Amino acid sequence: MEEMRGLWISFMDLEVKSTENTQQKFEDKFQNIINQAKKHKINNLFVHVRSHGDALYPSKIFPWSHTLTGEQGINPSFDPLKYMIEKSHENGLKFHAWINPLRIKTSVAPTKICENNPYFRFDSKKHMIYHTGGICFNPAFEEIQNLVTDGVKEIVENYDVDGIHFDDYFYPEKKSTTSSDAAFEEYIRTEKNPMTEYSWRQKNINDLIKKVYQSVKEINPNVEFGISPSGIISRCYEQGADVKRWFSEKGYVDYVCPQIYWSTDFQVMPFEKTAKEWKNIQKNSEVKIYSGLALYKVGTDRDENTWKNQSDILKREVEILRKFGYNGFALFSSRYLEFPETQTELKNFLSTM
């Protein structure tokens, strides 16, 4: 089986924010990303097509993304997703549609939620959770789960994607929430023997994930569905990401790609120890295991300055993953492939490809 060598392309990496020559600027930007991906031996792209309850394609469910014009809801008069899939396949790259299933708004993006965003079709208090980082849909409600699932179905039915990809934005951490959870409060009032809130969250996310998986497979069994949760296992459970179940039982995901975004020498979360902990919870070999790698930290003072001490960290991390039997990895993110600070690290990384 070919090693999965992935590259995340976030909405920030794709931003044009222009109403003039939008299509040409966007296509030039994506072509450059393709060129960089091939140069660095990447074979799978994870591309942000819905970051804030919006769409990087003409959708009957979600408004146009702000990524293209700078304002959510403005039609750019072309289909970016169609172009990106065709260009990726022409260059021998698999294309995964990366979706934030619940995120609506952060403190910085989009600057304004447009009037046809699903946010306005639901009860702003009941169906939303507000937190210091922004606003997200409450996944406890069947209508929200159906919204997410229908959005996935729209992509798989209409586009030749190789995969659907969710990241780590599920429930916000309790310490960051600024509103009550209406669904959980109702559950506590009506249930005689209620679950803990963490178990409740995991049940709701599991219900959503199972619906999405089944919907994808019913439309096209060859399309993969996978998730990239936080690299901290305890945080996953708090957010509702039941990673042990996903790694053990059929019917949830095809792969899990924890974001193990630390250096080899970071004492708080050393890469090798963390990668081994994740590998140890993979009980079903049919569910593949990848690891996210922190290209964005190269040359910075993150992780107590440990990224500045050496220039072969990513290379050694790939070798560790191979030693443990991982099926591949993904770099976050495409914009950092061209940063001057990453070039020596990337040269060493390429020597192991």
Foldseek 3Di string as FASTA:
>chain_A
DDFAEEFEQELVQQADQALPPLVVVNLVSLVVLLVLCVVLVHAEYAYEQADALAGQADDPQHAHACRRNLDTRDDSPDRPVQSNCVVQVVSNHAYEHEHALWHHDFPPPPPDRDPRRCCVVDDVQAQWWAFNGGITGQLQDPVSLVSSLVVLLVDLQPHPHQEYEYEAQAADFPVGTDHDHNVVVVCVVPDPDDDPVLVSLLVSVQVSQLSNLVSNCVSPVRYFYEYAHELDVVVCSSRNNPPLCVLADPRGGQEYEYALEAFCPQPVRHSLVSLLVSLVSNRDVSHAYEYEYELVCAPHCPSPNPNVPDQQRLLVSQVSCVVSPHSYYYYPHSVSSPDPRNVSSSVNNSVND
